[in-house]
Amino acid sequence: MRSLLASGGYLIKLVAHDTAVRYFPHTTEHCDAKLPGLSYEHDSAGNALASMVKPGLIEFRHHRSFSDARVRMIARRIMMHPDSCFTALFTVTYQGRTLIAGA
């Protein structure tokens, strides 16, 4: 991931829920990036959110089980984690709505 970040024009995918996050290349489908206990499935069937990470922006896709408040909490945890510190000042959107305004 460090080499992607160094390029500046990166596009990274992630799946996340309340206690886990997984980053992976944009060429992998969200539903193929499973870990034990962390699974994104189409039509809100899994227990995780799908997201795209671009410079300055984390875009979460809709999931029926995740409210705006829950997504905001997950995003803040991600942004505060040492492995994700590069996102600390990013804007966070959910279903096209801004939940956290970046710097």
Protein backbone atom coordinates (compact mmCIF):
# COMPACT_ATOMS: atom_id res chain seq x y z
CA MET A 1 0.00 0.00 0.00
CA ARG A 2 2.89 2.36 0.65
CA SER A 3 3.89 2.33 -3.01
CA LEU A 4 0.31 3.18 -4.00
CA LEU A 5 0.21 6.08 -1.57
CA ALA A 6 3.55 7.39 -2.81
CA SER A 7 2.17 7.64 -6.35
CA GLY A 8 -0.33 10.31 -5.24
CA GLY A 9 -3.02 9.26 -7.72
CA TYR A 10 -4.01 6.08 -5.95
CA LEU A 11 -7.31 4.24 -5.84
CA ILE A 12 -7.68 1.71 -3.02
CA LYS A 13 -10.66 -0.34 -1.92
CA LEU A 14 -11.59 -1.35 1.59
CA VAL A 15 -14.20 -3.31 3.48
CA ALA A 16 -14.93 -2.46 7.11
CA HIS A 17 -17.27 -2.90 10.03
CA ASP A 18 -17.15 -1.91 13.70
CA THR A 19 -14.05 -3.93 14.60
CA ALA A 20 -12.11 -4.63 11.39
CA VAL A 21 -10.93 -3.08 8.14
CA ARG A 22 -9.16 -4.53 5.15
CA TYR A 23 -7.47 -2.52 2.40
CA PHE A 24 -6.85 -4.11 -0.99
CA PRO A 25 -6.09 -3.15 -4.62
CA HIS A 26 -8.81 -1.53 -6.68
CA THR A 27 -8.58 -4.42 -9.15
CA THR A 28 -10.10 -6.80 -6.57
CA GLU A 29 -13.87 -6.94 -6.07
CA HIS A 30 -15.15 -6.00 -2.62
CA CYS A 31 -16.95 -9.34 -2.30
CA ASP A 32 -13.66 -11.18 -2.94
CA ALA A 33 -11.78 -9.46 -0.11
CA LYS A 34 -13.10 -11.52 2.79
CA LEU A 35 -11.45 -12.20 6.12
CA PRO A 36 -12.84 -14.40 8.90
CA GLY A 37 -15.66 -12.33 10.39
CA LEU A 38 -15.46 -9.59 7.73
CA SER A 39 -17.45 -9.99 4.54
CA TYR A 40 -18.98 -7.59 2.05
CA GLU A 41 -21.76 -9.12 -0.04
CA HIS A 42 -24.00 -7.53 -2.65
CA ASP A 43 -27.44 -6.28 -1.61
CA SER A 44 -26.37 -5.68 2.01
CA ALA A 45 -26.07 -9.42 2.66
CA GLY A 46 -22.64 -9.28 4.33
CA ASN A 47 -21.56 -7.71 7.62
CA ALA A 48 -19.22 -5.09 6.13
CA LEU A 49 -19.32 -1.84 4.21
CA ALA A 50 -17.64 -1.39 0.86
CA SER A 51 -15.57 1.71 0.22
CA MET A 52 -13.29 3.40 -2.28
CA VAL A 53 -10.34 5.42 -1.01
CA LYS A 54 -8.99 8.18 -3.24
CA PRO A 55 -6.69 11.07 -2.39
CA GLY A 56 -8.63 13.16 0.14
CA LEU A 57 -11.77 11.02 0.08
CA ILE A 58 -13.26 7.85 1.57
CA GLU A 59 -16.54 6.91 -0.18
CA PHE A 60 -18.70 4.33 1.61
CA ARG A 61 -21.41 2.53 -0.33
CA HIS A 62 -24.92 1.91 0.97
CA HIS A 63 -25.59 -0.97 3.35
CA ARG A 64 -29.00 -1.37 4.98
CA SER A 65 -27.49 -2.34 8.35
CA PHE A 66 -25.35 0.79 8.69
CA SER A 67 -26.77 4.15 9.77
CA ASP A 68 -25.00 7.43 9.14
CA ALA A 69 -23.94 7.55 12.79
CA ARG A 70 -22.48 4.04 12.66
CA VAL A 71 -20.58 4.76 9.43
CA ARG A 72 -19.24 8.00 10.91
CA MET A 73 -18.00 6.08 13.99
CA ILE A 74 -16.33 3.42 11.80
CA ALA A 75 -14.74 6.11 9.62
CA ARG A 76 -13.33 7.93 12.63
CA ARG A 77 -11.82 4.71 13.97
CA ILE A 78 -10.22 4.05 10.60
CA MET A 79 -8.90 7.60 10.34
CA MET A 80 -7.37 7.46 13.84
CA HIS A 81 -5.67 4.09 13.41
CA PRO A 82 -1.88 4.29 12.89
CA ASP A 83 -2.08 2.13 9.73
CA SER A 84 -4.63 4.52 8.25
CA CYS A 85 -3.21 7.85 9.43
CA PHE A 86 -2.91 8.97 5.81
CA THR A 87 -6.73 9.38 5.87
CA ALA A 88 -6.81 11.59 8.98
CA LEU A 89 -7.90 14.73 7.10
CA PHE A 90 -9.98 13.07 4.37
CA THR A 91 -13.61 13.80 3.59
CA VAL A 92 -15.91 10.85 4.28
CA THR A 93 -19.08 10.29 2.29
CA TYR A 94 -21.84 7.70 2.64
CA GLN A 95 -24.32 7.21 -0.16
CA GLY A 96 -23.06 10.49 -1.63
CA ARG A 97 -23.66 12.51 1.56
CA THR A 98 -20.76 14.09 3.45
CA LEU A 99 -20.46 12.64 6.94
CA ILE A 100 -17.06 14.09 7.81
CA ALA A 101 -15.69 17.18 6.09
CA GLY A 102 -11.99 16.97 5.37
CA ALA A 103 -9.42 19.63 5.93
